[in-house]
Each structure stands twice: as C-alpha cells, then as structure tokens.
Amino acid sequence: MARYIVRFMKDILGENGRQAEICQSSLEIEAANSRDATEIAKQKFCQMERLNEWSLHADRVQVAETDLHT
C-alpha cells in the first residue's frame, strides 16, 4: 500500500479583491492507489466536517503520493 496526502482546496476572494487558494484540510491516507485514497479522504473529510458532500466546503481535491510506503 502507498501513502497519499490528500488536500481539500477552496478558492476564495481576499480582502484585496484577489482570488486566493486555501487548503481546507489535509489528510494522510494509506490506499492501494490515488483513486482509492481520494474516495477514503472524501469520506473522512465529510465525517470530520459533518457534511453529506465534501464539495460544500472545497472546490477540488489534490492528491500526491508520499515517499513512505508500508
């Protein structure tokens, strides 16, 4: 299994009128592949934020494999 860092990203409009990207949450997930990691992270994010749908608090998901393997 591989380890992935899954970030939930949101675009916001800052006080200066410029668009900025912020990370709503970052999770380390162990999964067979990036697709599985994304789905597991979505479920965990919804549980943490008490949501039915992850996209209510984030615009997109970024997934990166870490160098650590189990």
C-alpha atoms as a PDB file:
ATOM      1  CA  MET A   1       0.000   0.000   0.000  1.00  0.00           C
ATOM      2  CA  ALA A   2       1.082   3.534  -0.681  1.00  0.00           C
ATOM      3  CA  ARG A   3       0.588   6.673   1.383  1.00  0.00           C
ATOM      4  CA  TYR A   4      -1.034   9.741  -0.091  1.00  0.00           C
ATOM      5  CA  ILE A   5      -1.515  13.304   1.051  1.00  0.00           C
ATOM      6  CA  VAL A   6      -4.996  14.435   0.070  1.00  0.00           C
ATOM      7  CA  ARG A   7      -5.761  18.154   0.266  1.00  0.00           C
ATOM      8  CA  PHE A   8      -9.170  19.771   0.001  1.00  0.00           C
ATOM      9  CA  MET A   9      -8.725  23.113  -1.733  1.00  0.00           C
ATOM     10  CA  LYS A  10     -11.043  26.126  -1.931  1.00  0.00           C
ATOM     11  CA  ASP A  11     -10.855  29.332  -3.952  1.00  0.00           C
ATOM     12  CA  ILE A  12     -11.736  32.451  -2.000  1.00  0.00           C
ATOM     13  CA  LEU A  13     -11.833  36.155  -2.711  1.00  0.00           C
ATOM     14  CA  GLY A  14      -9.480  38.011  -0.383  1.00  0.00           C
ATOM     15  CA  GLU A  15      -9.981  41.421   1.183  1.00  0.00           C
ATOM     16  CA  ASN A  16      -7.792  42.921  -1.533  1.00  0.00           C
ATOM     17  CA  GLY A  17     -10.155  41.628  -4.225  1.00  0.00           C
ATOM     18  CA  ARG A  18      -7.749  38.975  -5.427  1.00  0.00           C
ATOM     19  CA  GLN A  19      -8.563  35.310  -5.677  1.00  0.00           C
ATOM     20  CA  ALA A  20      -6.609  33.033  -3.363  1.00  0.00           C
ATOM     21  CA  GLU A  21      -6.434  29.278  -2.940  1.00  0.00           C
ATOM     22  CA  ILE A  22      -6.630  27.878   0.586  1.00  0.00           C
ATOM     23  CA  CYS A  23      -6.372  24.369   1.967  1.00  0.00           C
ATOM     24  CA  GLN A  24      -9.495  23.464   3.937  1.00  0.00           C
ATOM     25  CA  SER A  25      -7.998  20.202   5.203  1.00  0.00           C
ATOM     26  CA  SER A  26      -5.105  17.857   4.589  1.00  0.00           C
ATOM     27  CA  LEU A  27      -5.253  14.120   5.289  1.00  0.00           C
ATOM     28  CA  GLU A  28      -2.662  11.374   5.081  1.00  0.00           C
ATOM     29  CA  ILE A  29      -4.282   8.269   3.617  1.00  0.00           C
ATOM     30  CA  GLU A  30      -2.987   4.743   3.075  1.00  0.00           C
ATOM     31  CA  ALA A  31      -4.522   3.142  -0.017  1.00  0.00           C
ATOM     32  CA  ALA A  32      -3.836   0.887  -2.987  1.00  0.00           C
ATOM     33  CA  ASN A  33      -3.982   3.782  -5.474  1.00  0.00           C
ATOM     34  CA  SER A  34      -4.728   7.501  -5.741  1.00  0.00           C
ATOM     35  CA  ARG A  35      -8.364   6.943  -6.696  1.00  0.00           C
ATOM     36  CA  ASP A  36      -8.980   4.875  -3.556  1.00  0.00           C
ATOM     37  CA  ALA A  37      -7.097   7.445  -1.465  1.00  0.00           C
ATOM     38  CA  THR A  38      -9.332  10.197  -2.835  1.00  0.00           C
ATOM     39  CA  GLU A  39     -12.529   8.327  -2.002  1.00  0.00           C
ATOM     40  CA  ILE A  40     -11.356   7.418   1.513  1.00  0.00           C
ATOM     41  CA  ALA A  41     -10.308  11.024   2.126  1.00  0.00           C
ATOM     42  CA  LYS A  42     -13.675  12.348   0.908  1.00  0.00           C
ATOM     43  CA  GLN A  43     -15.468  10.098   3.400  1.00  0.00           C
ATOM     44  CA  LYS A  44     -13.192  11.143   6.270  1.00  0.00           C
ATOM     45  CA  PHE A  45     -13.487  14.830   5.347  1.00  0.00           C
ATOM     46  CA  CYS A  46     -17.282  14.580   5.394  1.00  0.00           C
ATOM     47  CA  GLN A  47     -17.198  12.878   8.802  1.00  0.00           C
ATOM     48  CA  MET A  48     -14.826  15.495  10.239  1.00  0.00           C
ATOM     49  CA  GLU A  49     -16.836  18.419   8.896  1.00  0.00           C
ATOM     50  CA  ARG A  50     -20.234  16.787   9.455  1.00  0.00           C
ATOM     51  CA  LEU A  51     -21.145  17.086   5.786  1.00  0.00           C
ATOM     52  CA  ASN A  52     -23.079  14.960   3.340  1.00  0.00           C
ATOM     53  CA  GLU A  53     -20.992  16.191   0.402  1.00  0.00           C
ATOM     54  CA  TRP A  54     -17.317  17.233   0.503  1.00  0.00           C
ATOM     55  CA  SER A  55     -17.782  19.844  -2.250  1.00  0.00           C
ATOM     56  CA  LEU A  56     -19.821  22.019   0.125  1.00  0.00           C
ATOM     57  CA  HIS A  57     -16.526  23.102   1.776  1.00  0.00           C
ATOM     58  CA  ALA A  58     -13.982  22.567  -1.015  1.00  0.00           C
ATOM     59  CA  ASP A  59     -13.738  23.184  -4.740  1.00  0.00           C
ATOM     60  CA  ARG A  60     -11.285  20.423  -5.590  1.00  0.00           C
ATOM     61  CA  VAL A  61      -9.134  17.629  -4.237  1.00  0.00           C
ATOM     62  CA  GLN A  62      -5.368  17.375  -4.743  1.00  0.00           C
ATOM     63  CA  VAL A  63      -3.675  14.006  -4.287  1.00  0.00           C
ATOM     64  CA  ALA A  64       0.070  13.397  -4.011  1.00  0.00           C
ATOM     65  CA  GLU A  65       1.843  10.136  -3.259  1.00  0.00           C
ATOM     66  CA  THR A  66       4.378  10.352  -0.453  1.00  0.00           C
ATOM     67  CA  ASP A  67       7.745   8.615  -0.436  1.00  0.00           C
ATOM     68  CA  LEU A  68       6.719   6.477   2.529  1.00  0.00           C
ATOM     69  CA  HIS A  69       5.358   3.010   1.753  1.00  0.00           C
ATOM     70  CA  THR A  70       4.132   0.359   4.142  1.00  0.00           C
END
